[in-house]
Amino acid sequence: MYICNAVIKPYGINTMKKFEFISETKYNKPDDPYFYTKEDNYFVSDSGSYDKDQAYAKFLILAQGGCLKPTTQVLEEKFLETKD
């Protein structure tokens, strides 16, 4: 599921979003951190990476209002005629 920073402005409610860049290590792998983004205290799907620079680039995209939802493009299309 992808939610791409949709802002709904209800009457008198703060619509600010909080983004956090997180480094997490497991107790048995202290030298192998995993980096990801949290939006309003929730993990953002597809934001994580073991490469800090890649994860930070995704964090910046999200914090600037972007979306990590993948885009698809049809590169080729073929039809097969079937015999009934």
PDB file of N, CA and C in Angstrom:
ATOM      1  N   MET A   1       0.841  -1.172   0.000  1.00  0.00           N
ATOM      2  CA  MET A   1       0.000   0.000   0.000  1.00  0.00           C
ATOM      3  C   MET A   1       0.887   1.236   0.000  1.00  0.00           C
ATOM      4  N   TYR A   2       0.553   2.188  -0.844  1.00  0.00           N
ATOM      5  CA  TYR A   2       1.323   3.410  -0.929  1.00  0.00           C
ATOM      6  C   TYR A   2       0.425   4.597  -0.623  1.00  0.00           C
ATOM      7  N   ILE A   3       0.852   5.423   0.290  1.00  0.00           N
ATOM      8  CA  ILE A   3       0.161   6.668   0.578  1.00  0.00           C
ATOM      9  C   ILE A   3       1.160   7.769   0.290  1.00  0.00           C
ATOM     10  N   CYS A   4       0.835   8.637  -0.621  1.00  0.00           N
ATOM     11  CA  CYS A   4       1.799   9.622  -1.096  1.00  0.00           C
ATOM     12  C   CYS A   4       1.495  11.023  -0.598  1.00  0.00           C
ATOM     13  N   ASN A   5       1.685  11.228   0.683  1.00  0.00           N
ATOM     14  CA  ASN A   5       1.613  12.552   1.288  1.00  0.00           C
ATOM     15  C   ASN A   5       0.332  13.314   0.956  1.00  0.00           C
ATOM     16  N   ALA A   6      -0.779  12.631   0.954  1.00  0.00           N
ATOM     17  CA  ALA A   6      -2.059  13.318   0.754  1.00  0.00           C
ATOM     18  C   ALA A   6      -2.353  14.132   2.000  1.00  0.00           C
ATOM     19  N   VAL A   7      -2.591  15.408   1.829  1.00  0.00           N
ATOM     20  CA  VAL A   7      -2.864  16.281   2.969  1.00  0.00           C
ATOM     21  C   VAL A   7      -4.338  16.650   2.957  1.00  0.00           C
ATOM     22  N   ILE A   8      -5.031  16.252   3.976  1.00  0.00           N
ATOM     23  CA  ILE A   8      -6.431  16.610   4.145  1.00  0.00           C
ATOM     24  C   ILE A   8      -6.471  17.619   5.274  1.00  0.00           C
ATOM     25  N   LYS A   9      -7.057  18.763   5.057  1.00  0.00           N
ATOM     26  CA  LYS A   9      -7.063  19.822   6.064  1.00  0.00           C
ATOM     27  C   LYS A   9      -8.398  19.866   6.793  1.00  0.00           C
ATOM     28  N   PRO A  10      -8.506  19.110   7.866  1.00  0.00           N
ATOM     29  CA  PRO A  10      -9.724  19.216   8.665  1.00  0.00           C
ATOM     30  C   PRO A  10      -9.712  20.519   9.455  1.00  0.00           C
ATOM     31  N   TYR A  11     -10.846  20.939   9.893  1.00  0.00           N
ATOM     32  CA  TYR A  11     -10.985  22.216  10.589  1.00  0.00           C
ATOM     33  C   TYR A  11     -10.186  22.227  11.895  1.00  0.00           C
ATOM     34  N   GLY A  12      -9.188  23.110  11.971  1.00  0.00           N
ATOM     35  CA  GLY A  12      -8.457  23.353  13.200  1.00  0.00           C
ATOM     36  C   GLY A  12      -7.490  22.256  13.622  1.00  0.00           C
ATOM     37  N   ILE A  13      -7.195  21.288  12.755  1.00  0.00           N
ATOM     38  CA  ILE A  13      -6.284  20.203  13.130  1.00  0.00           C
ATOM     39  C   ILE A  13      -4.962  20.395  12.401  1.00  0.00           C
ATOM     40  N   ASN A  14      -3.862  20.207  13.116  1.00  0.00           N
ATOM     41  CA  ASN A  14      -2.526  20.348  12.559  1.00  0.00           C
ATOM     42  C   ASN A  14      -2.297  19.282  11.495  1.00  0.00           C
ATOM     43  N   THR A  15      -1.915  19.699  10.291  1.00  0.00           N
ATOM     44  CA  THR A  15      -1.670  18.753   9.203  1.00  0.00           C
ATOM     45  C   THR A  15      -0.177  18.612   8.896  1.00  0.00           C
ATOM     46  N   MET A  16       0.676  19.056   9.799  1.00  0.00           N
ATOM     47  CA  MET A  16       2.121  18.905   9.609  1.00  0.00           C
ATOM     48  C   MET A  16       2.493  17.426   9.700  1.00  0.00           C
ATOM     49  N   LYS A  17       3.428  17.007   8.860  1.00  0.00           N
ATOM     50  CA  LYS A  17       3.916  15.628   8.902  1.00  0.00           C
ATOM     51  C   LYS A  17       5.331  15.620   9.470  1.00  0.00           C
ATOM     52  N   LYS A  18       5.648  14.590  10.212  1.00  0.00           N
ATOM     53  CA  LYS A  18       6.980  14.454  10.797  1.00  0.00           C
ATOM     54  C   LYS A  18       7.690  13.293  10.097  1.00  0.00           C
ATOM     55  N   PHE A  19       8.882  13.566   9.577  1.00  0.00           N
ATOM     56  CA  PHE A  19       9.689  12.539   8.926  1.00  0.00           C
ATOM     57  C   PHE A  19      10.947  12.309   9.753  1.00  0.00           C
ATOM     58  N   GLU A  20      11.283  11.045   9.978  1.00  0.00           N
ATOM     59  CA  GLU A  20      12.486  10.692  10.736  1.00  0.00           C
ATOM     60  C   GLU A  20      13.334   9.724   9.923  1.00  0.00           C
ATOM     61  N   PHE A  21      14.639   9.999   9.861  1.00  0.00           N
ATOM     62  CA  PHE A  21      15.584   9.091   9.212  1.00  0.00           C
ATOM     63  C   PHE A  21      16.151   8.209  10.317  1.00  0.00           C
ATOM     64  N   ILE A  22      15.932   6.904  10.218  1.00  0.00           N
ATOM     65  CA  ILE A  22      16.230   5.962  11.296  1.00  0.00           C
ATOM     66  C   ILE A  22      17.367   5.018  10.905  1.00  0.00           C
ATOM     67  N   SER A  23      18.224   4.743  11.868  1.00  0.00           N
ATOM     68  CA  SER A  23      19.243   3.703  11.740  1.00  0.00           C
ATOM     69  C   SER A  23      18.920   2.641  12.782  1.00  0.00           C
ATOM     70  N   GLU A  24      18.809   1.408  12.333  1.00  0.00           N
ATOM     71  CA  GLU A  24      18.449   0.321  13.243  1.00  0.00           C
ATOM     72  C   GLU A  24      19.460  -0.814  13.104  1.00  0.00           C
ATOM     73  N   THR A  25      19.915  -1.325  14.236  1.00  0.00           N
ATOM     74  CA  THR A  25      20.833  -2.460  14.223  1.00  0.00           C
ATOM     75  C   THR A  25      20.249  -3.586  15.058  1.00  0.00           C
ATOM     76  N   LYS A  26      20.514  -4.792  14.663  1.00  0.00           N
ATOM     77  CA  LYS A  26      20.070  -5.971  15.408  1.00  0.00           C
ATOM     78  C   LYS A  26      21.146  -6.332  16.427  1.00  0.00           C
ATOM     79  N   TYR A  27      20.733  -6.944  17.505  1.00  0.00           N
ATOM     80  CA  TYR A  27      21.673  -7.275  18.580  1.00  0.00           C
ATOM     81  C   TYR A  27      22.798  -8.202  18.108  1.00  0.00           C
ATOM     82  N   ASN A  28      22.493  -9.054  17.119  1.00  0.00           N
ATOM     83  CA  ASN A  28      23.515  -9.999  16.656  1.00  0.00           C
ATOM     84  C   ASN A  28      24.304  -9.470  15.451  1.00  0.00           C
ATOM     85  N   LYS A  29      23.946  -8.282  14.930  1.00  0.00           N
ATOM     86  CA  LYS A  29      24.666  -7.675  13.808  1.00  0.00           C
ATOM     87  C   LYS A  29      24.872  -6.181  14.064  1.00  0.00           C
ATOM     88  N   PRO A  30      25.644  -5.826  15.080  1.00  0.00           N
ATOM     89  CA  PRO A  30      25.797  -4.406  15.420  1.00  0.00           C
ATOM     90  C   PRO A  30      26.530  -3.582  14.362  1.00  0.00           C
ATOM     91  N   ASP A  31      27.263  -4.240  13.475  1.00  0.00           N
ATOM     92  CA  ASP A  31      28.016  -3.518  12.445  1.00  0.00           C
ATOM     93  C   ASP A  31      27.296  -3.502  11.105  1.00  0.00           C
ATOM     94  N   ASP A  32      26.020  -3.860  11.092  1.00  0.00           N
ATOM     95  CA  ASP A  32      25.256  -3.941   9.847  1.00  0.00           C
ATOM     96  C   ASP A  32      23.927  -3.188   9.999  1.00  0.00           C
ATOM     97  N   PRO A  33      23.988  -1.847  10.069  1.00  0.00           N
ATOM     98  CA  PRO A  33      22.757  -1.079  10.295  1.00  0.00           C
ATOM     99  C   PRO A  33      21.838  -1.057   9.075  1.00  0.00           C
ATOM    100  N   TYR A  34      20.550  -0.922   9.353  1.00  0.00           N
ATOM    101  CA  TYR A  34      19.524  -0.790   8.319  1.00  0.00           C
ATOM    102  C   TYR A  34      18.927   0.611   8.481  1.00  0.00           C
ATOM    103  N   PHE A  35      18.802   1.323   7.384  1.00  0.00           N
ATOM    104  CA  PHE A  35      18.327   2.707   7.407  1.00  0.00           C
ATOM    105  C   PHE A  35      16.962   2.788   6.752  1.00  0.00           C
ATOM    106  N   TYR A  36      16.060   3.590   7.331  1.00  0.00           N
ATOM    107  CA  TYR A  36      14.724   3.748   6.755  1.00  0.00           C
ATOM    108  C   TYR A  36      14.084   5.045   7.244  1.00  0.00           C
ATOM    109  N   THR A  37      12.926   5.345   6.683  1.00  0.00           N
ATOM    110  CA  THR A  37      12.182   6.557   7.035  1.00  0.00           C
ATOM    111  C   THR A  37      10.904   6.196   7.764  1.00  0.00           C
ATOM    112  N   LYS A  38      10.594   7.007   8.776  1.00  0.00           N
ATOM    113  CA  LYS A  38       9.300   6.933   9.448  1.00  0.00           C
ATOM    114  C   LYS A  38       8.554   8.230   9.153  1.00  0.00           C
ATOM    115  N   GLU A  39       7.271   8.093   8.830  1.00  0.00           N
ATOM    116  CA  GLU A  39       6.404   9.243   8.622  1.00  0.00           C
ATOM    117  C   GLU A  39       5.332   9.205   9.695  1.00  0.00           C
ATOM    118  N   ASP A  40       5.309  10.220  10.534  1.00  0.00           N
ATOM    119  CA  ASP A  40       4.365  10.268  11.656  1.00  0.00           C
ATOM    120  C   ASP A  40       4.415   8.973  12.476  1.00  0.00           C
ATOM    121  N   ASN A  41       5.626   8.528  12.782  1.00  0.00           N
ATOM    122  CA  ASN A  41       5.908   7.343  13.609  1.00  0.00           C
ATOM    123  C   ASN A  41       5.565   6.013  12.962  1.00  0.00           C
ATOM    124  N   TYR A  42       5.313   5.990  11.635  1.00  0.00           N
ATOM    125  CA  TYR A  42       5.043   4.741  10.922  1.00  0.00           C
ATOM    126  C   TYR A  42       6.116   4.502   9.871  1.00  0.00           C
ATOM    127  N   PHE A  43       6.539   3.251   9.748  1.00  0.00           N
ATOM    128  CA  PHE A  43       7.509   2.857   8.729  1.00  0.00           C
ATOM    129  C   PHE A  43       6.945   3.141   7.339  1.00  0.00           C
ATOM    130  N   VAL A  44       7.771   3.727   6.465  1.00  0.00           N
ATOM    131  CA  VAL A  44       7.350   4.005   5.094  1.00  0.00           C
ATOM    132  C   VAL A  44       7.848   2.866   4.201  1.00  0.00           C
ATOM    133  N   SER A  45       6.907   2.193   3.558  1.00  0.00           N
ATOM    134  CA  SER A  45       7.224   1.075   2.679  1.00  0.00           C
ATOM    135  C   SER A  45       8.210   1.510   1.593  1.00  0.00           C
ATOM    136  N   ASP A  46       9.169   0.665   1.293  1.00  0.00           N
ATOM    137  CA  ASP A  46      10.198   0.882   0.261  1.00  0.00           C
ATOM    138  C   ASP A  46      11.192   1.991   0.591  1.00  0.00           C
ATOM    139  N   SER A  47      11.216   2.477   1.826  1.00  0.00           N
ATOM    140  CA  SER A  47      12.152   3.556   2.169  1.00  0.00           C
ATOM    141  C   SER A  47      13.468   3.027   2.710  1.00  0.00           C
ATOM    142  N   GLY A  48      13.552   1.749   2.980  1.00  0.00           N
ATOM    143  CA  GLY A  48      14.726   1.205   3.654  1.00  0.00           C
ATOM    144  C   GLY A  48      15.813   0.689   2.743  1.00  0.00           C
ATOM    145  N   SER A  49      17.025   0.654   3.317  1.00  0.00           N
ATOM    146  CA  SER A  49      18.184   0.127   2.603  1.00  0.00           C
ATOM    147  C   SER A  49      19.327  -0.083   3.599  1.00  0.00           C
ATOM    148  N   TYR A  50      20.205  -1.015   3.277  1.00  0.00           N
ATOM    149  CA  TYR A  50      21.428  -1.164   4.063  1.00  0.00           C
ATOM    150  C   TYR A  50      22.466  -0.132   3.613  1.00  0.00           C
ATOM    151  N   ASP A  51      22.223   0.513   2.479  1.00  0.00           N
ATOM    152  CA  ASP A  51      23.090   1.581   1.977  1.00  0.00           C
ATOM    153  C   ASP A  51      22.543   2.913   2.504  1.00  0.00           C
ATOM    154  N   LYS A  52      23.310   3.568   3.356  1.00  0.00           N
ATOM    155  CA  LYS A  52      22.853   4.799   4.004  1.00  0.00           C
ATOM    156  C   LYS A  52      22.523   5.894   2.996  1.00  0.00           C
ATOM    157  N   ASP A  53      23.336   6.042   1.957  1.00  0.00           N
ATOM    158  CA  ASP A  53      23.106   7.090   0.967  1.00  0.00           C
ATOM    159  C   ASP A  53      21.808   6.872   0.194  1.00  0.00           C
ATOM    160  N   GLN A  54      21.516   5.620  -0.171  1.00  0.00           N
ATOM    161  CA  GLN A  54      20.272   5.319  -0.875  1.00  0.00           C
ATOM    162  C   GLN A  54      19.064   5.595   0.012  1.00  0.00           C
ATOM    163  N   ALA A  55      19.137   5.165   1.249  1.00  0.00           N
ATOM    164  CA  ALA A  55      18.027   5.378   2.185  1.00  0.00           C
ATOM    165  C   ALA A  55      17.828   6.868   2.453  1.00  0.00           C
ATOM    166  N   TYR A  56      18.921   7.613   2.557  1.00  0.00           N
ATOM    167  CA  TYR A  56      18.809   9.053   2.812  1.00  0.00           C
ATOM    168  C   TYR A  56      18.206   9.785   1.610  1.00  0.00           C
ATOM    169  N   ALA A  57      18.551   9.343   0.405  1.00  0.00           N
ATOM    170  CA  ALA A  57      17.963   9.940  -0.801  1.00  0.00           C
ATOM    171  C   ALA A  57      16.445   9.743  -0.802  1.00  0.00           C
ATOM    172  N   LYS A  58      15.990   8.572  -0.387  1.00  0.00           N
ATOM    173  CA  LYS A  58      14.551   8.303  -0.299  1.00  0.00           C
ATOM    174  C   LYS A  58      13.915   9.168   0.790  1.00  0.00           C
ATOM    175  N   PHE A  59      14.612   9.331   1.907  1.00  0.00           N
ATOM    176  CA  PHE A  59      14.137  10.191   2.989  1.00  0.00           C
ATOM    177  C   PHE A  59      13.912  11.619   2.488  1.00  0.00           C
ATOM    178  N   LEU A  60      14.860  12.143   1.730  1.00  0.00           N
ATOM    179  CA  LEU A  60      14.737  13.498   1.207  1.00  0.00           C
ATOM    180  C   LEU A  60      13.561  13.628   0.246  1.00  0.00           C
ATOM    181  N   ILE A  61      13.344  12.627  -0.587  1.00  0.00           N
ATOM    182  CA  ILE A  61      12.202  12.639  -1.509  1.00  0.00           C
ATOM    183  C   ILE A  61      10.902  12.730  -0.718  1.00  0.00           C
ATOM    184  N   LEU A  62      10.783  11.903   0.302  1.00  0.00           N
ATOM    185  CA  LEU A  62       9.563  11.890   1.116  1.00  0.00           C
ATOM    186  C   LEU A  62       9.378  13.191   1.886  1.00  0.00           C
ATOM    187  N   ALA A  63      10.444  13.692   2.483  1.00  0.00           N
ATOM    188  CA  ALA A  63      10.363  14.902   3.300  1.00  0.00           C
ATOM    189  C   ALA A  63      10.060  16.148   2.473  1.00  0.00           C
ATOM    190  N   GLN A  64      10.280  16.068   1.166  1.00  0.00           N
ATOM    191  CA  GLN A  64       9.993  17.199   0.287  1.00  0.00           C
ATOM    192  C   GLN A  64       8.650  17.027  -0.422  1.00  0.00           C
ATOM    193  N   GLY A  65       7.844  16.058   0.041  1.00  0.00           N
ATOM    194  CA  GLY A  65       6.505  15.882  -0.514  1.00  0.00           C
ATOM    195  C   GLY A  65       6.417  14.891  -1.646  1.00  0.00           C
ATOM    196  N   GLY A  66       7.503  14.186  -1.944  1.00  0.00           N
ATOM    197  CA  GLY A  66       7.500  13.210  -3.026  1.00  0.00           C
ATOM    198  C   GLY A  66       6.905  11.885  -2.592  1.00  0.00           C
ATOM    199  N   CYS A  67       6.957  10.935  -3.489  1.00  0.00           N
ATOM    200  CA  CYS A  67       6.356   9.626  -3.257  1.00  0.00           C
ATOM    201  C   CYS A  67       7.302   8.538  -3.780  1.00  0.00           C
ATOM    202  N   LEU A  68       7.337   7.414  -3.092  1.00  0.00           N
ATOM    203  CA  LEU A  68       8.181   6.294  -3.523  1.00  0.00           C
ATOM    204  C   LEU A  68       7.387   5.245  -4.299  1.00  0.00           C
ATOM    205  N   LYS A  69       6.144   5.551  -4.617  1.00  0.00           N
ATOM    206  CA  LYS A  69       5.313   4.602  -5.356  1.00  0.00           C
ATOM    207  C   LYS A  69       5.957   4.323  -6.708  1.00  0.00           C
ATOM    208  N   PRO A  70       6.127   3.057  -7.044  1.00  0.00           N
ATOM    209  CA  PRO A  70       6.754   2.738  -8.334  1.00  0.00           C
ATOM    210  C   PRO A  70       5.860   3.145  -9.500  1.00  0.00           C
ATOM    211  N   THR A  71       6.492   3.524 -10.584  1.00  0.00           N
ATOM    212  CA  THR A  71       5.745   3.842 -11.795  1.00  0.00           C
ATOM    213  C   THR A  71       5.947   2.710 -12.794  1.00  0.00           C
ATOM    214  N   THR A  72       4.920   2.439 -13.557  1.00  0.00           N
ATOM    215  CA  THR A  72       5.024   1.377 -14.558  1.00  0.00           C
ATOM    216  C   THR A  72       4.801   1.958 -15.944  1.00  0.00           C
ATOM    217  N   GLN A  73       5.426   1.322 -16.914  1.00  0.00           N
ATOM    218  CA  GLN A  73       5.320   1.764 -18.291  1.00  0.00           C
ATOM    219  C   GLN A  73       5.271   0.524 -19.171  1.00  0.00           C
ATOM    220  N   VAL A  74       4.289   0.438 -20.030  1.00  0.00           N
ATOM    221  CA  VAL A  74       4.186  -0.682 -20.966  1.00  0.00           C
ATOM    222  C   VAL A  74       5.210  -0.449 -22.073  1.00  0.00           C
ATOM    223  N   LEU A  75       6.128  -1.386 -22.227  1.00  0.00           N
ATOM    224  CA  LEU A  75       7.173  -1.244 -23.237  1.00  0.00           C
ATOM    225  C   LEU A  75       6.802  -1.916 -24.552  1.00  0.00           C
ATOM    226  N   GLU A  76       6.009  -2.969 -24.474  1.00  0.00           N
ATOM    227  CA  GLU A  76       5.599  -3.677 -25.682  1.00  0.00           C
ATOM    228  C   GLU A  76       4.300  -4.397 -25.385  1.00  0.00           C
ATOM    229  N   GLU A  77       3.478  -4.503 -26.404  1.00  0.00           N
ATOM    230  CA  GLU A  77       2.195  -5.169 -26.233  1.00  0.00           C
ATOM    231  C   GLU A  77       1.944  -6.046 -27.454  1.00  0.00           C
ATOM    232  N   LYS A  78       1.541  -7.292 -27.232  1.00  0.00           N
ATOM    233  CA  LYS A  78       1.248  -8.217 -28.325  1.00  0.00           C
ATOM    234  C   LYS A  78      -0.095  -8.870 -28.049  1.00  0.00           C
ATOM    235  N   PHE A  79      -0.793  -9.185 -29.116  1.00  0.00           N
ATOM    236  CA  PHE A  79      -2.065  -9.877 -29.011  1.00  0.00           C
ATOM    237  C   PHE A  79      -1.971 -11.202 -29.740  1.00  0.00           C
ATOM    238  N   LEU A  80      -2.579 -12.186 -29.173  1.00  0.00           N
ATOM    239  CA  LEU A  80      -2.596 -13.513 -29.781  1.00  0.00           C
ATOM    240  C   LEU A  80      -4.032 -13.842 -30.145  1.00  0.00           C
ATOM    241  N   GLU A  81      -4.235 -14.182 -31.410  1.00  0.00           N
ATOM    242  CA  GLU A  81      -5.576 -14.538 -31.869  1.00  0.00           C
ATOM    243  C   GLU A  81      -5.816 -15.994 -31.510  1.00  0.00           C
ATOM    244  N   THR A  82      -6.876 -16.233 -30.784  1.00  0.00           N
ATOM    245  CA  THR A  82      -7.188 -17.610 -30.377  1.00  0.00           C
ATOM    246  C   THR A  82      -8.258 -18.193 -31.279  1.00  0.00           C
ATOM    247  N   LYS A  83      -8.206 -19.494 -31.467  1.00  0.00           N
ATOM    248  CA  LYS A  83      -9.187 -20.196 -32.299  1.00  0.00           C
ATOM    249  C   LYS A  83     -10.217 -20.805 -31.386  1.00  0.00           C
ATOM    250  N   ASP A  84     -11.473 -20.421 -31.586  1.00  0.00           N
ATOM    251  CA  ASP A  84     -12.553 -20.950 -30.754  1.00  0.00           C
ATOM    252  C   ASP A  84     -13.109 -22.217 -31.313  1.00  0.00           C
TER     253      ASP A  84
END
